[in-house]
């Protein structure tokens, strides 16, 4: 795609060309008007004179002036066609410029996010180096892995096929070698109250959310049936809730757009968070979740499960760099094993 600077230069040239053509067209129209004025004057003089030779000469001059005016009309029409073509090019180039500027802005934003991620990762590494490393990686006890799978696609937002995502994740887990060691409870049209219920009743090792999100928080279903629009739940409030349990999840998965930056605050409550560093399409989110949980249920580490999910998303949609992981200091994703086989 051409750069914004190149398109701006092309647009400036086209507008200059448009101005030049408009000026030339105006000159041709002015010339035609003057010649018609001359033709009218000559025709008027011919009507007033009584000398036959003068009448013929004046009529001849009037006809000649009219013919010249027609030529200028034709030139003005030609310039009009050229102006229409240039105007079309201007419209096309303007649209291309808008798209290029939008793409460039998103690229700058992604670069800024990557830079912030590198800075955050470096800060965690520095913090980890100053603390003794835990000999036991974060993982649940030898019991089936409990996954609370919350999905939301409230009215007023783009519709997401989160129901299909859960179904295909379950099918993928059923094919895994440790399928009996993973239980997935689905909480459809999830509300903020469902978060409380899932944490208290299910005590999940993995808390998963699929739906709309942003750097500020997640978008849950509302509880008012007369007003079905969703409600925002900020990351600070979500962190308070996650701290308010004696059995916090080992892993929090936020399969929602732009959730990575805000999820940093949640590491005070949970050891590991998987989130999205940018917008993610419905298809990419589903592809990631299917392969991620299939790998978990096959006994793969969190690092490998993340890599497999990223690869599936990259293959299908080119969005493989969107899912990323955050961990508490001293904890490595390759050390996190959520499923290790049947309990002894």
C-alpha atoms as a PDB file:
ATOM      1  CA  UNK A   1       0.000   0.000   0.000  1.00  0.00           C
ATOM      2  CA  UNK A   2       1.343   3.485  -0.837  1.00  0.00           C
ATOM      3  CA  UNK A   3       2.473   5.572   2.127  1.00  0.00           C
ATOM      4  CA  UNK A   4       0.396   8.530   3.385  1.00  0.00           C
ATOM      5  CA  UNK A   5       3.147  10.965   2.341  1.00  0.00           C
ATOM      6  CA  UNK A   6       3.156   9.610  -1.218  1.00  0.00           C
ATOM      7  CA  UNK A   7      -0.636   9.816  -1.416  1.00  0.00           C
ATOM      8  CA  UNK A   8      -0.629  13.359  -0.026  1.00  0.00           C
ATOM      9  CA  UNK A   9       1.849  14.346  -2.735  1.00  0.00           C
ATOM     10  CA  UNK A  10      -0.311  12.702  -5.422  1.00  0.00           C
ATOM     11  CA  UNK A  11      -3.422  14.399  -4.047  1.00  0.00           C
ATOM     12  CA  UNK A  12      -1.704  17.800  -4.122  1.00  0.00           C
ATOM     13  CA  UNK A  13      -0.682  17.243  -7.765  1.00  0.00           C
ATOM     14  CA  UNK A  14      -4.203  16.193  -8.720  1.00  0.00           C
ATOM     15  CA  UNK A  15      -5.732  19.228  -7.050  1.00  0.00           C
ATOM     16  CA  UNK A  16      -3.251  21.490  -8.861  1.00  0.00           C
ATOM     17  CA  UNK A  17      -4.178  19.780 -12.123  1.00  0.00           C
ATOM     18  CA  UNK A  18      -7.832  20.282 -11.289  1.00  0.00           C
ATOM     19  CA  UNK A  19      -7.259  23.988 -10.632  1.00  0.00           C
ATOM     20  CA  UNK A  20      -5.348  24.392 -13.918  1.00  0.00           C
ATOM     21  CA  UNK A  21      -8.070  22.624 -15.908  1.00  0.00           C
ATOM     22  CA  UNK A  22     -10.763  24.662 -14.239  1.00  0.00           C
ATOM     23  CA  UNK A  23      -8.884  27.853 -15.119  1.00  0.00           C
ATOM     24  CA  UNK A  24      -8.513  26.778 -18.765  1.00  0.00           C
ATOM     25  CA  UNK A  25     -12.164  25.792 -18.974  1.00  0.00           C
ATOM     26  CA  UNK A  26     -13.156  29.175 -17.574  1.00  0.00           C
ATOM     27  CA  UNK A  27     -10.986  30.914 -20.168  1.00  0.00           C
ATOM     28  CA  UNK A  28     -12.638  28.961 -23.013  1.00  0.00           C
ATOM     29  CA  UNK A  29     -16.110  29.801 -21.719  1.00  0.00           C
ATOM     30  CA  UNK A  30     -15.167  33.482 -21.421  1.00  0.00           C
ATOM     31  CA  UNK A  31     -13.814  33.488 -24.969  1.00  0.00           C
ATOM     32  CA  UNK A  32     -17.000  31.834 -26.275  1.00  0.00           C
ATOM     33  CA  UNK A  33     -19.152  34.405 -24.470  1.00  0.00           C
ATOM     34  CA  UNK A  34     -17.168  37.318 -25.931  1.00  0.00           C
ATOM     35  CA  UNK A  35     -17.412  35.887 -29.433  1.00  0.00           C
ATOM     36  CA  UNK A  36     -21.188  35.425 -29.094  1.00  0.00           C
ATOM     37  CA  UNK A  37     -21.422  38.987 -27.898  1.00  0.00           C
ATOM     38  CA  UNK A  38     -19.470  40.045 -31.001  1.00  0.00           C
ATOM     39  CA  UNK A  39     -21.716  37.910 -33.220  1.00  0.00           C
ATOM     40  CA  UNK A  40     -24.805  39.530 -31.731  1.00  0.00           C
ATOM     41  CA  UNK A  41     -23.348  42.983 -32.271  1.00  0.00           C
ATOM     42  CA  UNK A  42     -22.538  42.230 -35.921  1.00  0.00           C
ATOM     43  CA  UNK A  43     -26.005  40.754 -36.493  1.00  0.00           C
ATOM     44  CA  UNK A  44     -27.576  43.873 -34.983  1.00  0.00           C
ATOM     45  CA  UNK A  45     -25.516  46.147 -37.210  1.00  0.00           C
ATOM     46  CA  UNK A  46     -26.547  44.104 -40.272  1.00  0.00           C
ATOM     47  CA  UNK A  47     -30.188  44.661 -39.429  1.00  0.00           C
ATOM     48  CA  UNK A  48     -29.705  48.409 -39.123  1.00  0.00           C
ATOM     49  CA  UNK A  49     -27.706  49.037 -42.286  1.00  0.00           C
ATOM     50  CA  UNK A  50     -29.241  49.342 -45.728  1.00  0.00           C
ATOM     51  CA  UNK A  51     -26.119  48.829 -47.819  1.00  0.00           C
ATOM     52  CA  UNK A  52     -26.230  45.324 -49.297  1.00  0.00           C
ATOM     53  CA  UNK A  53     -22.464  44.839 -49.347  1.00  0.00           C
ATOM     54  CA  UNK A  54     -22.212  45.919 -45.697  1.00  0.00           C
ATOM     55  CA  UNK A  55     -25.044  43.584 -44.721  1.00  0.00           C
ATOM     56  CA  UNK A  56     -23.262  40.605 -46.276  1.00  0.00           C
ATOM     57  CA  UNK A  57     -19.982  41.484 -44.622  1.00  0.00           C
ATOM     58  CA  UNK A  58     -21.571  41.926 -41.172  1.00  0.00           C
ATOM     59  CA  UNK A  59     -23.520  38.669 -41.428  1.00  0.00           C
ATOM     60  CA  UNK A  60     -20.327  36.895 -42.494  1.00  0.00           C
ATOM     61  CA  UNK A  61     -18.483  38.361 -39.489  1.00  0.00           C
ATOM     62  CA  UNK A  62     -21.342  37.292 -37.145  1.00  0.00           C
ATOM     63  CA  UNK A  63     -21.255  33.726 -38.512  1.00  0.00           C
ATOM     64  CA  UNK A  64     -17.508  33.557 -38.182  1.00  0.00           C
ATOM     65  CA  UNK A  65     -17.685  34.750 -34.567  1.00  0.00           C
ATOM     66  CA  UNK A  66     -20.351  32.146 -33.791  1.00  0.00           C
ATOM     67  CA  UNK A  67     -18.243  29.377 -35.341  1.00  0.00           C
ATOM     68  CA  UNK A  68     -15.253  30.447 -33.246  1.00  0.00           C
ATOM     69  CA  UNK A  69     -17.485  30.471 -30.159  1.00  0.00           C
ATOM     70  CA  UNK A  70     -18.546  26.875 -30.886  1.00  0.00           C
ATOM     71  CA  UNK A  71     -14.880  25.839 -31.058  1.00  0.00           C
ATOM     72  CA  UNK A  72     -14.291  27.367 -27.638  1.00  0.00           C
ATOM     73  CA  UNK A  73     -17.429  25.571 -26.364  1.00  0.00           C
ATOM     74  CA  UNK A  74     -15.954  22.274 -27.584  1.00  0.00           C
ATOM     75  CA  UNK A  75     -12.655  22.975 -25.834  1.00  0.00           C
ATOM     76  CA  UNK A  76     -14.515  23.881 -22.640  1.00  0.00           C
ATOM     77  CA  UNK A  77     -16.418  20.578 -22.888  1.00  0.00           C
ATOM     78  CA  UNK A  78     -13.134  18.680 -23.304  1.00  0.00           C
ATOM     79  CA  UNK A  79     -11.745  20.350 -20.216  1.00  0.00           C
ATOM     80  CA  UNK A  80     -14.965  19.384 -18.429  1.00  0.00           C
ATOM     81  CA  UNK A  81     -14.371  15.699 -19.244  1.00  0.00           C
ATOM     82  CA  UNK A  82     -10.799  15.977 -18.007  1.00  0.00           C
ATOM     83  CA  UNK A  83     -12.032  17.669 -14.837  1.00  0.00           C
ATOM     84  CA  UNK A  84     -14.485  14.826 -14.210  1.00  0.00           C
ATOM     85  CA  UNK A  85     -11.691  12.266 -14.627  1.00  0.00           C
ATOM     86  CA  UNK A  86      -9.413  14.191 -12.268  1.00  0.00           C
ATOM     87  CA  UNK A  87     -12.222  14.557  -9.728  1.00  0.00           C
ATOM     88  CA  UNK A  88     -12.662  10.780  -9.787  1.00  0.00           C
ATOM     89  CA  UNK A  89      -8.935  10.305  -9.207  1.00  0.00           C
ATOM     90  CA  UNK A  90      -9.055  12.808  -6.351  1.00  0.00           C
ATOM     91  CA  UNK A  91     -11.907  10.893  -4.693  1.00  0.00           C
ATOM     92  CA  UNK A  92     -10.075   7.575  -5.095  1.00  0.00           C
ATOM     93  CA  UNK A  93      -6.805   8.992  -3.798  1.00  0.00           C
ATOM     94  CA  UNK A  94      -8.577  10.653  -0.850  1.00  0.00           C
ATOM     95  CA  UNK A  95     -10.111   7.321   0.153  1.00  0.00           C
ATOM     96  CA  UNK A  96      -6.746   5.603  -0.222  1.00  0.00           C
ATOM     97  CA  UNK A  97      -5.116   8.321   1.905  1.00  0.00           C
ATOM     98  CA  UNK A  98      -7.701   7.882   4.667  1.00  0.00           C
ATOM     99  CA  UNK A  99      -7.146   4.126   4.648  1.00  0.00           C
ATOM    100  CA  UNK A 100      -3.361   4.509   4.609  1.00  0.00           C
ATOM    101  CA  UNK A 101      -3.454   6.982   7.522  1.00  0.00           C
ATOM    102  CA  UNK A 102      -5.705   4.617   9.490  1.00  0.00           C
ATOM    103  CA  UNK A 103      -3.373   1.709   8.780  1.00  0.00           C
ATOM    104  CA  UNK A 104      -0.336   3.775   9.751  1.00  0.00           C
ATOM    105  CA  UNK A 105      -2.006   4.871  12.989  1.00  0.00           C
ATOM    106  CA  UNK A 106      -2.829   1.277  13.894  1.00  0.00           C
ATOM    107  CA  UNK A 107       0.743   0.237  13.077  1.00  0.00           C
ATOM    108  CA  UNK A 108       2.103   2.976  15.357  1.00  0.00           C
ATOM    109  CA  UNK A 109      -0.289   1.889  18.094  1.00  0.00           C
ATOM    110  CA  UNK A 110       0.836  -1.734  17.721  1.00  0.00           C
ATOM    111  CA  UNK A 111       4.485  -0.628  17.875  1.00  0.00           C
ATOM    112  CA  UNK A 112       3.733   1.361  21.033  1.00  0.00           C
ATOM    113  CA  UNK A 113       2.005  -1.666  22.550  1.00  0.00           C
ATOM    114  CA  UNK A 114       4.951  -3.907  21.680  1.00  0.00           C
ATOM    115  CA  UNK A 115       7.344  -1.382  23.221  1.00  0.00           C
ATOM    116  CA  UNK A 116       5.246  -1.228  26.384  1.00  0.00           C
ATOM    117  CA  UNK A 117       5.128  -5.031  26.507  1.00  0.00           C
ATOM    118  CA  UNK A 118       8.920  -5.198  26.224  1.00  0.00           C
ATOM    119  CA  UNK A 119       9.256  -2.619  28.985  1.00  0.00           C
ATOM    120  CA  UNK A 120       6.800  -4.505  31.200  1.00  0.00           C
ATOM    121  CA  UNK A 121       8.550  -7.811  30.498  1.00  0.00           C
ATOM    122  CA  UNK A 122      11.906  -6.251  31.362  1.00  0.00           C
ATOM    123  CA  UNK A 123      10.485  -4.817  34.592  1.00  0.00           C
ATOM    124  CA  UNK A 124       9.139  -8.254  35.550  1.00  0.00           C
ATOM    125  CA  UNK A 125      12.509  -9.856  34.771  1.00  0.00           C
ATOM    126  CA  UNK A 126      14.282  -7.306  36.962  1.00  0.00           C
ATOM    127  CA  UNK A 127      11.794  -7.926  39.756  1.00  0.00           C
ATOM    128  CA  UNK A 128      12.135 -11.688  39.354  1.00  0.00           C
ATOM    129  CA  UNK A 129      15.934 -11.484  39.547  1.00  0.00           C
ATOM    130  CA  UNK A 130      15.701  -9.802  42.968  1.00  0.00           C
ATOM    131  CA  UNK A 131      13.403 -12.492  44.414  1.00  0.00           C
ATOM    132  CA  UNK A 132      14.005 -16.167  45.098  1.00  0.00           C
ATOM    133  CA  UNK A 133      12.387 -18.280  42.417  1.00  0.00           C
ATOM    134  CA  UNK A 134       9.586 -20.553  43.523  1.00  0.00           C
ATOM    135  CA  UNK A 135      10.508 -24.232  43.273  1.00  0.00           C
ATOM    136  CA  UNK A 136       6.904 -25.181  42.528  1.00  0.00           C
ATOM    137  CA  UNK A 137       5.309 -23.728  39.403  1.00  0.00           C
ATOM    138  CA  UNK A 138       1.714 -22.566  39.643  1.00  0.00           C
ATOM    139  CA  UNK A 139      -0.573 -25.477  38.885  1.00  0.00           C
ATOM    140  CA  UNK A 140      -3.693 -27.009  40.389  1.00  0.00           C
ATOM    141  CA  UNK A 141      -3.662 -30.026  42.634  1.00  0.00           C
ATOM    142  CA  UNK A 142      -3.898 -33.512  41.148  1.00  0.00           C
ATOM    143  CA  UNK A 143      -7.572 -33.212  40.267  1.00  0.00           C
ATOM    144  CA  UNK A 144      -9.517 -32.548  37.078  1.00  0.00           C
ATOM    145  CA  UNK A 145      -8.886 -29.082  35.689  1.00  0.00           C
ATOM    146  CA  UNK A 146     -11.982 -26.939  36.169  1.00  0.00           C
ATOM    147  CA  UNK A 147     -12.598 -24.298  33.504  1.00  0.00           C
ATOM    148  CA  UNK A 148     -15.298 -21.663  33.975  1.00  0.00           C
ATOM    149  CA  UNK A 149     -16.003 -20.535  30.409  1.00  0.00           C
ATOM    150  CA  UNK A 150     -17.930 -17.239  30.457  1.00  0.00           C
ATOM    151  CA  UNK A 151     -19.210 -15.859  27.146  1.00  0.00           C
ATOM    152  CA  UNK A 152     -21.053 -12.630  26.368  1.00  0.00           C
ATOM    153  CA  UNK A 153     -22.297 -10.990  23.203  1.00  0.00           C
ATOM    154  CA  UNK A 154     -24.818  -8.390  24.394  1.00  0.00           C
ATOM    155  CA  UNK A 155     -27.203  -6.433  22.214  1.00  0.00           C
ATOM    156  CA  UNK A 156     -25.908  -3.180  20.788  1.00  0.00           C
ATOM    157  CA  UNK A 157     -22.523  -4.693  19.861  1.00  0.00           C
ATOM    158  CA  UNK A 158     -21.241  -6.716  16.915  1.00  0.00           C
ATOM    159  CA  UNK A 159     -22.566 -10.239  17.242  1.00  0.00           C
ATOM    160  CA  UNK A 160     -19.950 -12.839  18.228  1.00  0.00           C
ATOM    161  CA  UNK A 161     -20.243 -16.600  17.674  1.00  0.00           C
ATOM    162  CA  UNK A 162     -19.054 -17.402  21.181  1.00  0.00           C
ATOM    163  CA  UNK A 163     -21.571 -20.263  21.449  1.00  0.00           C
ATOM    164  CA  UNK A 164     -19.875 -22.012  18.541  1.00  0.00           C
ATOM    165  CA  UNK A 165     -16.472 -21.302  20.082  1.00  0.00           C
ATOM    166  CA  UNK A 166     -17.398 -23.139  23.291  1.00  0.00           C
ATOM    167  CA  UNK A 167     -18.853 -26.079  21.369  1.00  0.00           C
ATOM    168  CA  UNK A 168     -15.711 -26.519  19.257  1.00  0.00           C
ATOM    169  CA  UNK A 169     -13.419 -26.100  22.281  1.00  0.00           C
ATOM    170  CA  UNK A 170     -15.305 -28.894  24.047  1.00  0.00           C
ATOM    171  CA  UNK A 171     -15.046 -31.119  20.971  1.00  0.00           C
ATOM    172  CA  UNK A 172     -11.288 -30.482  20.786  1.00  0.00           C
ATOM    173  CA  UNK A 173     -10.850 -31.327  24.471  1.00  0.00           C
ATOM    174  CA  UNK A 174     -12.824 -34.577  24.019  1.00  0.00           C
ATOM    175  CA  UNK A 175     -10.220 -35.698  21.464  1.00  0.00           C
ATOM    176  CA  UNK A 176      -7.261 -34.956  23.792  1.00  0.00           C
ATOM    177  CA  UNK A 177      -5.404 -37.716  25.636  1.00  0.00           C
ATOM    178  CA  UNK A 178      -6.276 -36.270  29.070  1.00  0.00           C
ATOM    179  CA  UNK A 179      -9.871 -35.421  28.185  1.00  0.00           C
ATOM    180  CA  UNK A 180     -11.172 -36.914  31.467  1.00  0.00           C
ATOM    181  CA  UNK A 181      -8.980 -34.477  33.388  1.00  0.00           C
ATOM    182  CA  UNK A 182     -10.686 -31.328  32.038  1.00  0.00           C
ATOM    183  CA  UNK A 183     -14.191 -30.124  32.856  1.00  0.00           C
ATOM    184  CA  UNK A 184     -15.632 -27.067  31.125  1.00  0.00           C
ATOM    185  CA  UNK A 185     -18.658 -25.304  32.597  1.00  0.00           C
ATOM    186  CA  UNK A 186     -20.180 -22.842  30.162  1.00  0.00           C
ATOM    187  CA  UNK A 187     -21.767 -19.639  31.451  1.00  0.00           C
ATOM    188  CA  UNK A 188     -23.605 -18.164  28.410  1.00  0.00           C
ATOM    189  CA  UNK A 189     -24.774 -14.527  28.261  1.00  0.00           C
ATOM    190  CA  UNK A 190     -22.512 -14.020  31.273  1.00  0.00           C
ATOM    191  CA  UNK A 191     -23.279 -11.205  33.695  1.00  0.00           C
ATOM    192  CA  UNK A 192     -21.139  -9.701  36.445  1.00  0.00           C
ATOM    193  CA  UNK A 193     -23.110 -11.814  38.937  1.00  0.00           C
ATOM    194  CA  UNK A 194     -22.027 -14.924  37.038  1.00  0.00           C
ATOM    195  CA  UNK A 195     -18.425 -14.067  37.898  1.00  0.00           C
ATOM    196  CA  UNK A 196     -19.272 -14.305  41.607  1.00  0.00           C
ATOM    197  CA  UNK A 197     -21.183 -17.532  41.108  1.00  0.00           C
ATOM    198  CA  UNK A 198     -18.446 -19.144  39.014  1.00  0.00           C
ATOM    199  CA  UNK A 199     -15.734 -18.277  41.538  1.00  0.00           C
ATOM    200  CA  UNK A 200     -17.771 -19.367  44.578  1.00  0.00           C
ATOM    201  CA  UNK A 201     -19.574 -22.422  43.224  1.00  0.00           C
ATOM    202  CA  UNK A 202     -17.133 -23.860  40.705  1.00  0.00           C
ATOM    203  CA  UNK A 203     -13.807 -22.646  42.147  1.00  0.00           C
ATOM    204  CA  UNK A 204     -12.199 -22.831  38.684  1.00  0.00           C
ATOM    205  CA  UNK A 205      -8.534 -23.345  37.999  1.00  0.00           C
ATOM    206  CA  UNK A 206      -9.063 -21.459  34.734  1.00  0.00           C
ATOM    207  CA  UNK A 207     -11.418 -18.490  34.414  1.00  0.00           C
ATOM    208  CA  UNK A 208     -12.116 -17.724  30.763  1.00  0.00           C
ATOM    209  CA  UNK A 209     -13.979 -14.803  29.194  1.00  0.00           C
ATOM    210  CA  UNK A 210     -14.899 -14.607  25.503  1.00  0.00           C
ATOM    211  CA  UNK A 211     -16.592 -11.442  24.256  1.00  0.00           C
ATOM    212  CA  UNK A 212     -15.988  -7.774  23.663  1.00  0.00           C
ATOM    213  CA  UNK A 213     -13.287  -5.908  25.544  1.00  0.00           C
ATOM    214  CA  UNK A 214     -10.933  -2.948  25.561  1.00  0.00           C
ATOM    215  CA  UNK A 215      -7.916  -1.610  27.434  1.00  0.00           C
ATOM    216  CA  UNK A 216     -10.371  -0.415  30.097  1.00  0.00           C
ATOM    217  CA  UNK A 217     -12.236  -3.657  30.799  1.00  0.00           C
ATOM    218  CA  UNK A 218     -14.678  -6.315  29.642  1.00  0.00           C
ATOM    219  CA  UNK A 219     -18.221  -6.061  28.306  1.00  0.00           C
ATOM    220  CA  UNK A 220     -20.718  -8.355  30.054  1.00  0.00           C
ATOM    221  CA  UNK A 221     -24.384  -8.989  29.441  1.00  0.00           C
ATOM    222  CA  UNK A 222     -26.820  -6.867  31.402  1.00  0.00           C
ATOM    223  CA  UNK A 223     -29.470  -8.242  33.739  1.00  0.00           C
ATOM    224  CA  UNK A 224     -32.297  -5.962  32.600  1.00  0.00           C
ATOM    225  CA  UNK A 225     -34.394  -7.807  29.996  1.00  0.00           C
ATOM    226  CA  UNK A 226     -36.103  -4.556  29.002  1.00  0.00           C
ATOM    227  CA  UNK A 227     -32.702  -2.977  28.333  1.00  0.00           C
ATOM    228  CA  UNK A 228     -30.505  -5.811  27.041  1.00  0.00           C
ATOM    229  CA  UNK A 229     -27.435  -3.705  26.292  1.00  0.00           C
ATOM    230  CA  UNK A 230     -24.255  -4.831  27.983  1.00  0.00           C
ATOM    231  CA  UNK A 231     -22.345  -3.347  30.918  1.00  0.00           C
ATOM    232  CA  UNK A 232     -18.663  -2.465  31.256  1.00  0.00           C
ATOM    233  CA  UNK A 233     -16.632  -4.104  34.013  1.00  0.00           C
ATOM    234  CA  UNK A 234     -13.311  -2.343  34.528  1.00  0.00           C
ATOM    235  CA  UNK A 235     -10.096  -4.239  35.219  1.00  0.00           C
ATOM    236  CA  UNK A 236      -9.675  -2.620  38.637  1.00  0.00           C
ATOM    237  CA  UNK A 237     -13.083  -3.915  39.737  1.00  0.00           C
ATOM    238  CA  UNK A 238     -12.401  -7.319  38.204  1.00  0.00           C
ATOM    239  CA  UNK A 239      -9.118  -7.479  40.136  1.00  0.00           C
ATOM    240  CA  UNK A 240     -10.909  -6.691  43.405  1.00  0.00           C
ATOM    241  CA  UNK A 241     -13.334  -9.521  42.757  1.00  0.00           C
ATOM    242  CA  UNK A 242     -10.555 -12.005  41.935  1.00  0.00           C
ATOM    243  CA  UNK A 243      -8.786 -11.064  45.172  1.00  0.00           C
ATOM    244  CA  UNK A 244     -12.003 -11.653  47.065  1.00  0.00           C
ATOM    245  CA  UNK A 245     -11.743 -15.445  46.982  1.00  0.00           C
ATOM    246  CA  UNK A 246      -9.699 -17.952  48.954  1.00  0.00           C
ATOM    247  CA  UNK A 247      -9.352 -20.077  45.808  1.00  0.00           C
ATOM    248  CA  UNK A 248      -8.288 -17.748  42.980  1.00  0.00           C
ATOM    249  CA  UNK A 249      -7.819 -19.185  39.481  1.00  0.00           C
ATOM    250  CA  UNK A 250      -4.367 -20.194  38.348  1.00  0.00           C
ATOM    251  CA  UNK A 251      -5.032 -18.842  34.880  1.00  0.00           C
ATOM    252  CA  UNK A 252      -7.237 -16.047  33.551  1.00  0.00           C
ATOM    253  CA  UNK A 253      -7.918 -16.073  29.791  1.00  0.00           C
ATOM    254  CA  UNK A 254      -9.347 -12.883  28.272  1.00  0.00           C
ATOM    255  CA  UNK A 255     -10.336 -13.739  24.700  1.00  0.00           C
ATOM    256  CA  UNK A 256     -11.404 -10.151  24.021  1.00  0.00           C
ATOM    257  CA  UNK A 257     -10.035  -7.261  21.948  1.00  0.00           C
ATOM    258  CA  UNK A 258      -7.325  -4.997  23.405  1.00  0.00           C
ATOM    259  CA  UNK A 259      -7.435  -6.683  26.834  1.00  0.00           C
ATOM    260  CA  UNK A 260      -3.667  -7.083  27.299  1.00  0.00           C
ATOM    261  CA  UNK A 261      -2.738  -3.611  28.517  1.00  0.00           C
ATOM    262  CA  UNK A 262      -5.395  -3.420  31.221  1.00  0.00           C
ATOM    263  CA  UNK A 263      -4.834  -7.027  32.263  1.00  0.00           C
ATOM    264  CA  UNK A 264      -1.444  -6.109  33.736  1.00  0.00           C
ATOM    265  CA  UNK A 265      -3.225  -4.986  36.920  1.00  0.00           C
ATOM    266  CA  UNK A 266      -4.800  -8.444  37.346  1.00  0.00           C
ATOM    267  CA  UNK A 267      -1.454 -10.099  38.109  1.00  0.00           C
ATOM    268  CA  UNK A 268      -1.933  -8.962  41.704  1.00  0.00           C
ATOM    269  CA  UNK A 269      -4.829 -11.422  41.877  1.00  0.00           C
ATOM    270  CA  UNK A 270      -3.887 -14.330  39.571  1.00  0.00           C
ATOM    271  CA  UNK A 271      -0.497 -15.793  38.634  1.00  0.00           C
ATOM    272  CA  UNK A 272      -1.019 -15.951  34.863  1.00  0.00           C
ATOM    273  CA  UNK A 273      -3.127 -13.975  32.393  1.00  0.00           C
ATOM    274  CA  UNK A 274      -3.546 -14.622  28.680  1.00  0.00           C
ATOM    275  CA  UNK A 275      -4.962 -11.593  26.855  1.00  0.00           C
ATOM    276  CA  UNK A 276      -5.176  -9.943  23.442  1.00  0.00           C
ATOM    277  CA  UNK A 277      -2.745  -7.140  22.535  1.00  0.00           C
ATOM    278  CA  UNK A 278      -4.910  -5.776  19.717  1.00  0.00           C
ATOM    279  CA  UNK A 279      -8.276  -6.222  18.050  1.00  0.00           C
ATOM    280  CA  UNK A 280      -8.992  -9.853  17.243  1.00  0.00           C
ATOM    281  CA  UNK A 281     -11.562 -11.200  14.811  1.00  0.00           C
ATOM    282  CA  UNK A 282     -14.229 -13.693  15.772  1.00  0.00           C
ATOM    283  CA  UNK A 283     -12.564 -16.369  13.621  1.00  0.00           C
ATOM    284  CA  UNK A 284      -9.096 -15.754  15.106  1.00  0.00           C
ATOM    285  CA  UNK A 285     -10.405 -15.815  18.683  1.00  0.00           C
ATOM    286  CA  UNK A 286     -12.165 -19.128  18.066  1.00  0.00           C
ATOM    287  CA  UNK A 287      -9.137 -20.698  16.338  1.00  0.00           C
ATOM    288  CA  UNK A 288      -6.894 -19.660  19.214  1.00  0.00           C
ATOM    289  CA  UNK A 289      -9.199 -21.008  21.934  1.00  0.00           C
ATOM    290  CA  UNK A 290      -9.704 -24.391  20.236  1.00  0.00           C
ATOM    291  CA  UNK A 291      -6.010 -25.193  19.862  1.00  0.00           C
ATOM    292  CA  UNK A 292      -5.070 -23.603  23.188  1.00  0.00           C
ATOM    293  CA  UNK A 293      -7.379 -25.836  25.223  1.00  0.00           C
ATOM    294  CA  UNK A 294      -6.670 -28.891  23.069  1.00  0.00           C
ATOM    295  CA  UNK A 295      -2.986 -28.476  23.946  1.00  0.00           C
ATOM    296  CA  UNK A 296      -3.747 -27.931  27.646  1.00  0.00           C
ATOM    297  CA  UNK A 297      -5.856 -31.121  27.682  1.00  0.00           C
ATOM    298  CA  UNK A 298      -2.975 -32.986  26.022  1.00  0.00           C
ATOM    299  CA  UNK A 299      -0.642 -32.163  28.903  1.00  0.00           C
ATOM    300  CA  UNK A 300       1.258 -29.365  27.169  1.00  0.00           C
ATOM    301  CA  UNK A 301       2.722 -26.475  29.141  1.00  0.00           C
ATOM    302  CA  UNK A 302       1.078 -23.077  29.063  1.00  0.00           C
ATOM    303  CA  UNK A 303       3.883 -21.806  26.807  1.00  0.00           C
ATOM    304  CA  UNK A 304       3.298 -24.585  24.281  1.00  0.00           C
ATOM    305  CA  UNK A 305      -0.482 -24.216  24.434  1.00  0.00           C
ATOM    306  CA  UNK A 306      -0.113 -20.501  23.773  1.00  0.00           C
ATOM    307  CA  UNK A 307       2.225 -21.170  20.832  1.00  0.00           C
ATOM    308  CA  UNK A 308      -0.205 -23.675  19.320  1.00  0.00           C
ATOM    309  CA  UNK A 309      -3.119 -21.268  19.678  1.00  0.00           C
ATOM    310  CA  UNK A 310      -1.091 -18.472  18.116  1.00  0.00           C
ATOM    311  CA  UNK A 311      -0.083 -20.708  15.202  1.00  0.00           C
ATOM    312  CA  UNK A 312      -3.709 -21.710  14.527  1.00  0.00           C
ATOM    313  CA  UNK A 313      -4.805 -18.073  14.602  1.00  0.00           C
ATOM    314  CA  UNK A 314      -1.933 -17.046  12.302  1.00  0.00           C
ATOM    315  CA  UNK A 315      -2.711 -19.807   9.799  1.00  0.00           C
ATOM    316  CA  UNK A 316      -6.416 -18.960   9.528  1.00  0.00           C
ATOM    317  CA  UNK A 317      -6.442 -15.171   9.857  1.00  0.00           C
ATOM    318  CA  UNK A 318      -2.894 -13.796  10.098  1.00  0.00           C
ATOM    319  CA  UNK A 319      -3.565 -12.601  13.677  1.00  0.00           C
ATOM    320  CA  UNK A 320      -1.142 -14.922  15.443  1.00  0.00           C
ATOM    321  CA  UNK A 321       0.647 -12.132  17.320  1.00  0.00           C
ATOM    322  CA  UNK A 322      -2.513 -10.978  19.088  1.00  0.00           C
ATOM    323  CA  UNK A 323      -2.692 -13.489  22.008  1.00  0.00           C
ATOM    324  CA  UNK A 324       0.035 -12.968  24.612  1.00  0.00           C
ATOM    325  CA  UNK A 325       0.757 -14.067  28.173  1.00  0.00           C
ATOM    326  CA  UNK A 326       1.576 -12.141  31.358  1.00  0.00           C
ATOM    327  CA  UNK A 327       2.935 -13.835  34.494  1.00  0.00           C
ATOM    328  CA  UNK A 328       3.838 -12.877  38.023  1.00  0.00           C
ATOM    329  CA  UNK A 329       7.585 -12.340  38.633  1.00  0.00           C
ATOM    330  CA  UNK A 330       9.541 -15.561  38.852  1.00  0.00           C
ATOM    331  CA  UNK A 331       6.967 -17.617  36.984  1.00  0.00           C
ATOM    332  CA  UNK A 332       7.666 -18.929  33.492  1.00  0.00           C
ATOM    333  CA  UNK A 333       4.865 -20.066  31.134  1.00  0.00           C
ATOM    334  CA  UNK A 334       6.881 -23.175  30.200  1.00  0.00           C
ATOM    335  CA  UNK A 335       6.777 -24.250  33.861  1.00  0.00           C
ATOM    336  CA  UNK A 336       2.998 -24.010  34.141  1.00  0.00           C
ATOM    337  CA  UNK A 337       1.382 -27.448  33.615  1.00  0.00           C
ATOM    338  CA  UNK A 338      -2.361 -27.372  34.158  1.00  0.00           C
ATOM    339  CA  UNK A 339      -3.008 -31.009  33.228  1.00  0.00           C
ATOM    340  CA  UNK A 340      -0.493 -33.755  33.999  1.00  0.00           C
ATOM    341  CA  UNK A 341      -2.605 -36.876  33.632  1.00  0.00           C
ATOM    342  CA  UNK A 342      -4.912 -38.903  35.904  1.00  0.00           C
ATOM    343  CA  UNK A 343      -4.462 -38.327  39.644  1.00  0.00           C
ATOM    344  CA  UNK A 344      -2.710 -41.083  41.595  1.00  0.00           C
END
